[in-house]
N, C-alpha and C. Protein backbone atom coordinates (compact mmCIF):
# COMPACT_ATOMS: atom_id res chain seq x y z
N MET A 1 107.86 120.44 111.28
CA MET A 1 107.28 119.56 112.28
C MET A 1 108.28 118.48 112.63
N ARG A 2 108.51 118.29 113.91
CA ARG A 2 109.37 117.21 114.37
C ARG A 2 108.51 116.17 115.06
N LEU A 3 108.83 114.92 114.82
CA LEU A 3 108.08 113.84 115.45
C LEU A 3 108.62 113.61 116.86
N ARG A 4 107.72 113.37 117.80
CA ARG A 4 108.13 113.11 119.18
C ARG A 4 108.88 111.79 119.27
N GLU A 5 109.94 111.81 120.04
CA GLU A 5 110.77 110.62 120.20
C GLU A 5 109.99 109.50 120.89
N ARG A 6 109.14 109.84 121.84
CA ARG A 6 108.41 108.81 122.59
C ARG A 6 107.32 108.13 121.76
N ASP A 7 106.88 108.77 120.67
CA ASP A 7 105.85 108.18 119.82
C ASP A 7 106.42 107.31 118.70
N LEU A 8 107.73 107.30 118.55
CA LEU A 8 108.34 106.56 117.44
C LEU A 8 108.47 105.08 117.77
N VAL A 9 108.20 104.26 116.77
CA VAL A 9 108.29 102.81 116.89
C VAL A 9 109.36 102.33 115.92
N THR A 10 110.14 101.35 116.33
CA THR A 10 111.16 100.79 115.44
C THR A 10 110.51 99.78 114.51
N VAL A 11 110.68 100.00 113.21
CA VAL A 11 110.19 99.08 112.19
C VAL A 11 111.35 98.77 111.26
N TYR A 12 111.18 97.75 110.43
CA TYR A 12 112.24 97.35 109.51
C TYR A 12 111.71 97.36 108.09
N LEU A 13 112.45 98.02 107.22
CA LEU A 13 112.08 98.18 105.81
C LEU A 13 112.77 97.11 104.99
N LYS A 14 111.99 96.42 104.16
CA LYS A 14 112.55 95.47 103.21
C LYS A 14 112.14 95.95 101.82
N ARG A 15 113.12 96.20 100.99
CA ARG A 15 112.87 96.77 99.66
C ARG A 15 112.25 95.75 98.71
N TRP A 16 111.34 96.23 97.85
CA TRP A 16 110.75 95.43 96.78
C TRP A 16 111.74 95.39 95.64
N GLN A 17 111.97 94.22 95.09
CA GLN A 17 112.93 94.11 94.00
C GLN A 17 112.45 93.11 92.97
N GLU A 18 112.86 93.36 91.74
CA GLU A 18 112.60 92.45 90.64
C GLU A 18 113.94 92.06 90.05
N ILE A 19 114.24 90.77 90.05
CA ILE A 19 115.54 90.28 89.61
C ILE A 19 115.31 89.28 88.47
N GLU A 20 116.21 89.29 87.50
CA GLU A 20 116.17 88.29 86.44
C GLU A 20 117.14 87.18 86.78
N ASP A 21 116.69 85.92 86.62
CA ASP A 21 117.58 84.80 86.86
C ASP A 21 118.36 84.47 85.58
N ASP A 22 119.09 83.35 85.59
CA ASP A 22 119.94 82.97 84.46
C ASP A 22 119.14 82.73 83.18
N GLU A 23 117.91 82.29 83.32
CA GLU A 23 117.09 81.96 82.16
C GLU A 23 116.24 83.13 81.69
N GLY A 24 116.36 84.28 82.32
CA GLY A 24 115.62 85.47 81.91
C GLY A 24 114.26 85.61 82.55
N ASN A 25 113.94 84.75 83.52
CA ASN A 25 112.67 84.86 84.23
C ASN A 25 112.74 85.97 85.26
N SER A 26 111.65 86.69 85.42
CA SER A 26 111.60 87.78 86.39
C SER A 26 111.15 87.23 87.74
N ILE A 27 111.96 87.45 88.76
CA ILE A 27 111.65 87.02 90.12
C ILE A 27 111.33 88.27 90.94
N LYS A 28 110.13 88.31 91.50
CA LYS A 28 109.70 89.47 92.29
C LYS A 28 109.63 89.07 93.75
N GLY A 29 110.08 89.98 94.61
CA GLY A 29 110.03 89.70 96.05
C GLY A 29 110.73 90.78 96.83
N TYR A 30 110.94 90.51 98.11
CA TYR A 30 111.57 91.47 99.00
C TYR A 30 113.04 91.12 99.19
N SER A 31 113.84 92.14 99.43
CA SER A 31 115.28 91.93 99.62
C SER A 31 115.54 91.18 100.92
N ASN A 32 116.74 90.64 101.03
CA ASN A 32 117.12 89.91 102.23
C ASN A 32 117.56 90.83 103.36
N GLU A 33 117.97 92.04 103.03
CA GLU A 33 118.44 92.95 104.08
C GLU A 33 117.28 93.79 104.61
N ALA A 34 117.34 94.10 105.88
CA ALA A 34 116.32 94.92 106.53
C ALA A 34 116.97 96.20 107.04
N ILE A 35 116.30 97.33 106.78
CA ILE A 35 116.80 98.64 107.19
C ILE A 35 115.95 99.11 108.37
N GLU A 36 116.60 99.47 109.46
CA GLU A 36 115.89 99.91 110.66
C GLU A 36 115.42 101.36 110.49
N LEU A 37 114.14 101.61 110.78
CA LEU A 37 113.56 102.95 110.70
C LEU A 37 112.79 103.24 111.98
N LYS A 38 112.61 104.51 112.26
CA LYS A 38 111.76 104.96 113.37
C LYS A 38 110.58 105.70 112.77
N MET A 39 109.36 105.25 113.07
CA MET A 39 108.14 105.84 112.53
C MET A 39 107.11 106.03 113.62
N ASN A 40 106.21 106.96 113.39
CA ASN A 40 105.02 107.10 114.21
C ASN A 40 103.93 106.31 113.50
N VAL A 41 103.48 105.22 114.09
CA VAL A 41 102.52 104.32 113.45
C VAL A 41 101.20 104.38 114.21
N GLN A 42 100.12 104.64 113.49
CA GLN A 42 98.77 104.70 114.07
C GLN A 42 97.82 103.90 113.19
N SER A 43 96.72 103.47 113.75
CA SER A 43 95.68 102.84 112.95
C SER A 43 95.01 103.91 112.10
N ALA A 44 94.73 103.57 110.85
CA ALA A 44 94.07 104.52 109.97
C ALA A 44 92.62 104.68 110.40
N GLY A 45 92.11 105.87 110.27
CA GLY A 45 90.73 106.12 110.66
C GLY A 45 90.19 107.35 109.97
N GLY A 46 88.93 107.61 110.18
CA GLY A 46 88.29 108.77 109.58
C GLY A 46 87.35 108.36 108.46
N GLN A 47 86.53 109.31 108.06
CA GLN A 47 85.50 109.03 107.07
C GLN A 47 86.09 108.75 105.69
N ILE A 48 87.13 109.49 105.32
CA ILE A 48 87.73 109.28 103.99
C ILE A 48 88.41 107.92 103.92
N ALA A 49 89.15 107.56 104.97
CA ALA A 49 89.81 106.25 104.99
C ALA A 49 88.77 105.12 104.97
N ALA A 50 87.67 105.31 105.69
CA ALA A 50 86.61 104.29 105.69
C ALA A 50 85.99 104.15 104.31
N THR A 51 85.86 105.26 103.59
CA THR A 51 85.31 105.21 102.24
C THR A 51 86.29 104.53 101.29
N LEU A 52 87.59 104.83 101.43
CA LEU A 52 88.59 104.25 100.53
C LEU A 52 88.80 102.77 100.76
N TYR A 53 88.92 102.35 102.02
CA TYR A 53 89.33 100.98 102.32
C TYR A 53 88.19 100.08 102.77
N GLY A 54 87.07 100.63 103.19
CA GLY A 54 85.90 99.84 103.54
C GLY A 54 86.18 98.81 104.62
N SER A 55 85.90 97.55 104.31
CA SER A 55 86.06 96.48 105.30
C SER A 55 87.53 96.17 105.59
N GLU A 56 88.45 96.68 104.79
CA GLU A 56 89.88 96.45 105.01
C GLU A 56 90.50 97.50 105.93
N LEU A 57 89.71 98.43 106.43
CA LEU A 57 90.23 99.51 107.28
C LEU A 57 90.98 99.01 108.52
N PRO A 58 90.56 97.92 109.18
CA PRO A 58 91.34 97.45 110.34
C PRO A 58 92.75 96.99 109.98
N TYR A 59 93.01 96.74 108.71
CA TYR A 59 94.32 96.25 108.27
C TYR A 59 95.18 97.36 107.67
N VAL A 60 94.77 98.62 107.83
CA VAL A 60 95.49 99.76 107.26
C VAL A 60 96.07 100.60 108.39
N LYS A 61 97.32 101.02 108.23
CA LYS A 61 98.01 101.86 109.21
C LYS A 61 98.43 103.17 108.54
N ALA A 62 98.38 104.25 109.30
CA ALA A 62 98.85 105.56 108.85
C ALA A 62 100.13 105.87 109.62
N CYS A 63 101.20 106.19 108.90
CA CYS A 63 102.51 106.41 109.52
C CYS A 63 103.06 107.77 109.13
N LYS A 64 103.90 108.29 110.00
CA LYS A 64 104.67 109.49 109.71
C LYS A 64 106.14 109.11 109.85
N TYR A 65 106.93 109.48 108.83
CA TYR A 65 108.36 109.15 108.84
C TYR A 65 109.17 110.40 108.57
N GLN A 66 110.23 110.57 109.33
CA GLN A 66 111.12 111.71 109.16
C GLN A 66 112.54 111.15 109.19
N GLY A 67 113.20 111.13 108.04
CA GLY A 67 114.54 110.57 107.98
C GLY A 67 115.12 110.64 106.59
N GLU A 68 116.28 110.03 106.43
CA GLU A 68 117.03 110.11 105.18
C GLU A 68 116.77 108.94 104.23
N VAL A 69 116.24 107.83 104.73
CA VAL A 69 116.05 106.64 103.90
C VAL A 69 114.90 106.88 102.93
N VAL A 70 115.14 106.56 101.66
CA VAL A 70 114.11 106.72 100.63
C VAL A 70 113.18 105.51 100.68
N ILE A 71 111.89 105.77 100.82
CA ILE A 71 110.88 104.72 100.87
C ILE A 71 110.05 104.82 99.60
N GLN A 72 109.76 103.67 98.98
CA GLN A 72 108.99 103.64 97.75
C GLN A 72 107.76 102.77 97.94
N GLU A 73 106.78 102.96 97.05
CA GLU A 73 105.60 102.11 97.10
C GLU A 73 106.01 100.68 96.79
N LYS A 74 105.28 99.73 97.35
CA LYS A 74 105.51 98.29 97.27
C LYS A 74 106.61 97.80 98.21
N ASP A 75 107.35 98.70 98.87
CA ASP A 75 108.33 98.26 99.86
C ASP A 75 107.59 97.61 101.02
N GLY A 76 108.23 96.69 101.70
CA GLY A 76 107.62 95.99 102.82
C GLY A 76 108.09 96.55 104.15
N ILE A 77 107.21 96.54 105.13
CA ILE A 77 107.53 97.00 106.48
C ILE A 77 107.27 95.85 107.45
N CYS A 78 108.29 95.51 108.24
CA CYS A 78 108.15 94.51 109.30
C CYS A 78 107.81 95.28 110.57
N LEU A 79 106.54 95.27 110.93
CA LEU A 79 106.08 96.06 112.07
C LEU A 79 106.04 95.25 113.35
N TYR A 80 105.56 94.02 113.29
CA TYR A 80 105.39 93.22 114.49
C TYR A 80 106.48 92.18 114.68
N THR A 81 107.51 92.22 113.87
CA THR A 81 108.65 91.33 114.05
C THR A 81 109.88 92.17 114.31
N LYS A 82 110.78 91.67 115.10
CA LYS A 82 111.97 92.43 115.47
C LYS A 82 113.22 91.64 115.11
N LEU A 83 114.27 92.36 114.80
CA LEU A 83 115.55 91.74 114.50
C LEU A 83 116.34 91.56 115.79
N LEU A 84 117.06 90.48 115.88
CA LEU A 84 118.05 90.35 116.93
C LEU A 84 119.36 90.85 116.35
N ILE A 85 119.69 92.09 116.64
CA ILE A 85 120.86 92.70 116.04
C ILE A 85 122.13 92.24 116.75
N GLN A 86 122.09 92.18 118.08
CA GLN A 86 123.25 91.71 118.81
C GLN A 86 123.22 90.19 118.86
N PRO A 87 124.39 89.57 118.92
CA PRO A 87 124.41 88.12 119.08
C PRO A 87 123.85 87.73 120.45
N LEU A 88 123.33 86.53 120.54
CA LEU A 88 122.77 86.05 121.80
C LEU A 88 123.87 85.86 122.83
N THR A 89 123.56 86.20 124.07
CA THR A 89 124.49 85.90 125.15
C THR A 89 124.38 84.42 125.48
N LEU A 90 125.33 83.92 126.23
CA LEU A 90 125.32 82.50 126.60
C LEU A 90 124.08 82.17 127.43
N GLU A 91 123.69 83.07 128.33
CA GLU A 91 122.50 82.85 129.15
C GLU A 91 121.24 82.78 128.29
N ASP A 92 121.12 83.72 127.33
CA ASP A 92 119.96 83.72 126.44
C ASP A 92 119.93 82.46 125.58
N PHE A 93 121.10 82.03 125.12
CA PHE A 93 121.17 80.83 124.30
C PHE A 93 120.74 79.60 125.10
N ASN A 94 121.26 79.48 126.34
CA ASN A 94 120.89 78.34 127.18
C ASN A 94 119.39 78.35 127.49
N CYS A 95 118.85 79.53 127.74
CA CYS A 95 117.43 79.66 128.02
C CYS A 95 116.60 79.25 126.80
N LEU A 96 117.06 79.65 125.62
CA LEU A 96 116.36 79.30 124.39
C LEU A 96 116.41 77.80 124.15
N VAL A 97 117.56 77.18 124.37
CA VAL A 97 117.70 75.74 124.19
C VAL A 97 116.81 74.99 125.17
N HIS A 98 116.81 75.42 126.44
CA HIS A 98 115.98 74.75 127.44
C HIS A 98 114.50 74.89 127.13
N SER A 99 114.10 76.04 126.60
CA SER A 99 112.68 76.22 126.28
C SER A 99 112.28 75.37 125.08
N LEU A 100 113.21 75.17 124.14
CA LEU A 100 112.89 74.33 122.97
C LEU A 100 112.86 72.85 123.35
N VAL A 101 113.77 72.44 124.23
CA VAL A 101 113.83 71.04 124.64
C VAL A 101 112.73 70.73 125.64
N GLY A 102 112.36 71.71 126.44
CA GLY A 102 111.29 71.51 127.41
C GLY A 102 111.78 71.11 128.78
N ASN A 103 113.08 71.25 129.05
CA ASN A 103 113.63 70.86 130.35
C ASN A 103 113.53 71.96 131.38
N ASP A 104 113.15 73.14 130.98
CA ASP A 104 113.16 74.28 131.90
C ASP A 104 111.73 74.74 132.13
N ASP A 105 111.31 74.79 133.39
CA ASP A 105 109.96 75.23 133.72
C ASP A 105 109.87 76.72 134.00
N SER A 106 111.00 77.42 134.01
CA SER A 106 110.97 78.85 134.30
C SER A 106 110.47 79.63 133.09
N ILE A 107 110.13 80.88 133.32
CA ILE A 107 109.63 81.74 132.24
C ILE A 107 110.79 82.13 131.34
N ASN A 108 110.59 82.00 130.06
CA ASN A 108 111.64 82.29 129.08
C ASN A 108 111.69 83.78 128.81
N PRO A 109 112.81 84.46 129.09
CA PRO A 109 112.89 85.90 128.81
C PRO A 109 112.94 86.22 127.32
N LEU A 110 113.16 85.23 126.46
CA LEU A 110 113.21 85.48 125.02
C LEU A 110 111.85 85.37 124.36
N MET A 111 110.79 85.13 125.12
CA MET A 111 109.48 84.94 124.51
C MET A 111 109.02 86.18 123.75
N ASN A 112 109.40 87.38 124.19
CA ASN A 112 108.97 88.60 123.52
C ASN A 112 109.86 88.97 122.35
N LYS A 113 111.00 88.32 122.20
CA LYS A 113 111.90 88.60 121.09
C LYS A 113 111.53 87.70 119.92
N LYS A 114 111.36 88.28 118.76
CA LYS A 114 111.09 87.51 117.57
C LYS A 114 112.26 87.68 116.61
N ILE A 115 112.63 86.62 115.97
CA ILE A 115 113.75 86.67 115.05
C ILE A 115 113.19 86.74 113.64
N ILE A 116 113.67 87.70 112.86
CA ILE A 116 113.24 87.82 111.48
C ILE A 116 114.35 87.26 110.60
N SER A 117 114.04 86.26 109.85
CA SER A 117 115.03 85.66 108.97
C SER A 117 115.01 86.41 107.64
N PRO A 118 116.05 86.27 106.84
CA PRO A 118 116.06 86.95 105.55
C PRO A 118 114.92 86.51 104.64
N ASN A 119 114.41 85.31 104.81
CA ASN A 119 113.35 84.80 103.94
C ASN A 119 111.96 85.18 104.42
N LEU A 120 111.84 85.74 105.63
CA LEU A 120 110.55 86.09 106.17
C LEU A 120 109.98 87.30 105.44
N LYS A 121 108.71 87.23 105.08
CA LYS A 121 108.08 88.34 104.38
C LYS A 121 107.59 89.38 105.37
N PRO A 122 107.52 90.64 104.95
CA PRO A 122 107.06 91.72 105.84
C PRO A 122 105.58 91.60 106.18
N ASP A 123 105.18 92.29 107.25
CA ASP A 123 103.78 92.32 107.68
C ASP A 123 102.93 93.24 106.80
N TYR A 124 103.49 94.39 106.44
CA TYR A 124 102.74 95.44 105.75
C TYR A 124 103.46 95.85 104.47
N GLU A 125 102.67 96.39 103.54
CA GLU A 125 103.19 96.91 102.28
C GLU A 125 102.86 98.39 102.18
N VAL A 126 103.80 99.18 101.68
CA VAL A 126 103.58 100.61 101.48
C VAL A 126 102.67 100.78 100.27
N ILE A 127 101.50 101.41 100.48
CA ILE A 127 100.59 101.59 99.35
C ILE A 127 100.49 103.04 98.89
N SER A 128 100.84 103.99 99.76
CA SER A 128 100.87 105.38 99.31
C SER A 128 101.84 106.19 100.16
N ILE A 129 102.43 107.19 99.51
CA ILE A 129 103.36 108.09 100.18
C ILE A 129 102.96 109.52 99.84
N GLN A 130 102.77 110.34 100.86
CA GLN A 130 102.45 111.75 100.66
C GLN A 130 103.59 112.58 101.26
N PRO A 131 104.42 113.17 100.41
CA PRO A 131 105.55 113.95 100.93
C PRO A 131 105.12 115.33 101.42
N TYR A 132 105.64 115.72 102.55
CA TYR A 132 105.48 117.07 103.08
C TYR A 132 106.87 117.67 103.22
N SER A 133 106.97 118.91 103.64
CA SER A 133 108.27 119.58 103.67
C SER A 133 109.23 118.93 104.67
N THR A 134 108.73 118.44 105.78
CA THR A 134 109.63 117.88 106.80
C THR A 134 109.44 116.40 107.06
N HIS A 135 108.37 115.79 106.56
CA HIS A 135 108.12 114.38 106.85
C HIS A 135 107.32 113.75 105.71
N LEU A 136 107.14 112.44 105.80
CA LEU A 136 106.33 111.69 104.84
C LEU A 136 105.14 111.09 105.57
N ASN A 137 103.96 111.19 104.97
CA ASN A 137 102.80 110.45 105.45
C ASN A 137 102.72 109.18 104.61
N ILE A 138 102.82 108.05 105.26
CA ILE A 138 102.88 106.77 104.57
C ILE A 138 101.68 105.93 105.00
N THR A 139 101.01 105.32 104.03
CA THR A 139 99.91 104.43 104.32
C THR A 139 100.37 103.00 104.08
N LEU A 140 100.16 102.15 105.09
CA LEU A 140 100.55 100.74 105.01
C LEU A 140 99.30 99.88 105.00
N LYS A 141 99.38 98.77 104.28
CA LYS A 141 98.28 97.81 104.23
C LYS A 141 98.81 96.43 104.55
N ARG A 142 98.09 95.70 105.36
CA ARG A 142 98.49 94.35 105.77
C ARG A 142 98.59 93.46 104.54
N ILE A 143 99.66 92.67 104.48
CA ILE A 143 99.85 91.75 103.34
C ILE A 143 99.12 90.45 103.62
């Protein structure tokens, strides 16, 4: 089975990690780097999902992923935030400055772009992975 290109959404994977500091304390959290993935993301539905998740069903997504990146449970997915991979152009920077200062009454073209910082936590967490021969069925839950 191949996933349709038009149904794929760009999401960003942030790995779950546990690190020990100098004093031996365990620090748990998400990595600072984000890995770009293409997934088919849908709202979870059906009688079984309603039985499993109950009132939390609106916060659960069902995804299909086909690719080389290894995804594990507890990894974070940034679904509604996007990375600015290219540096800002001078026009975009000026527009951003004017919108922050409030001197510009025009519509800001950067309003739909969201910047994800390394410290920003993901929107969703991977709670289950079902491997198939050609793809993975991944269930995400809102954090």
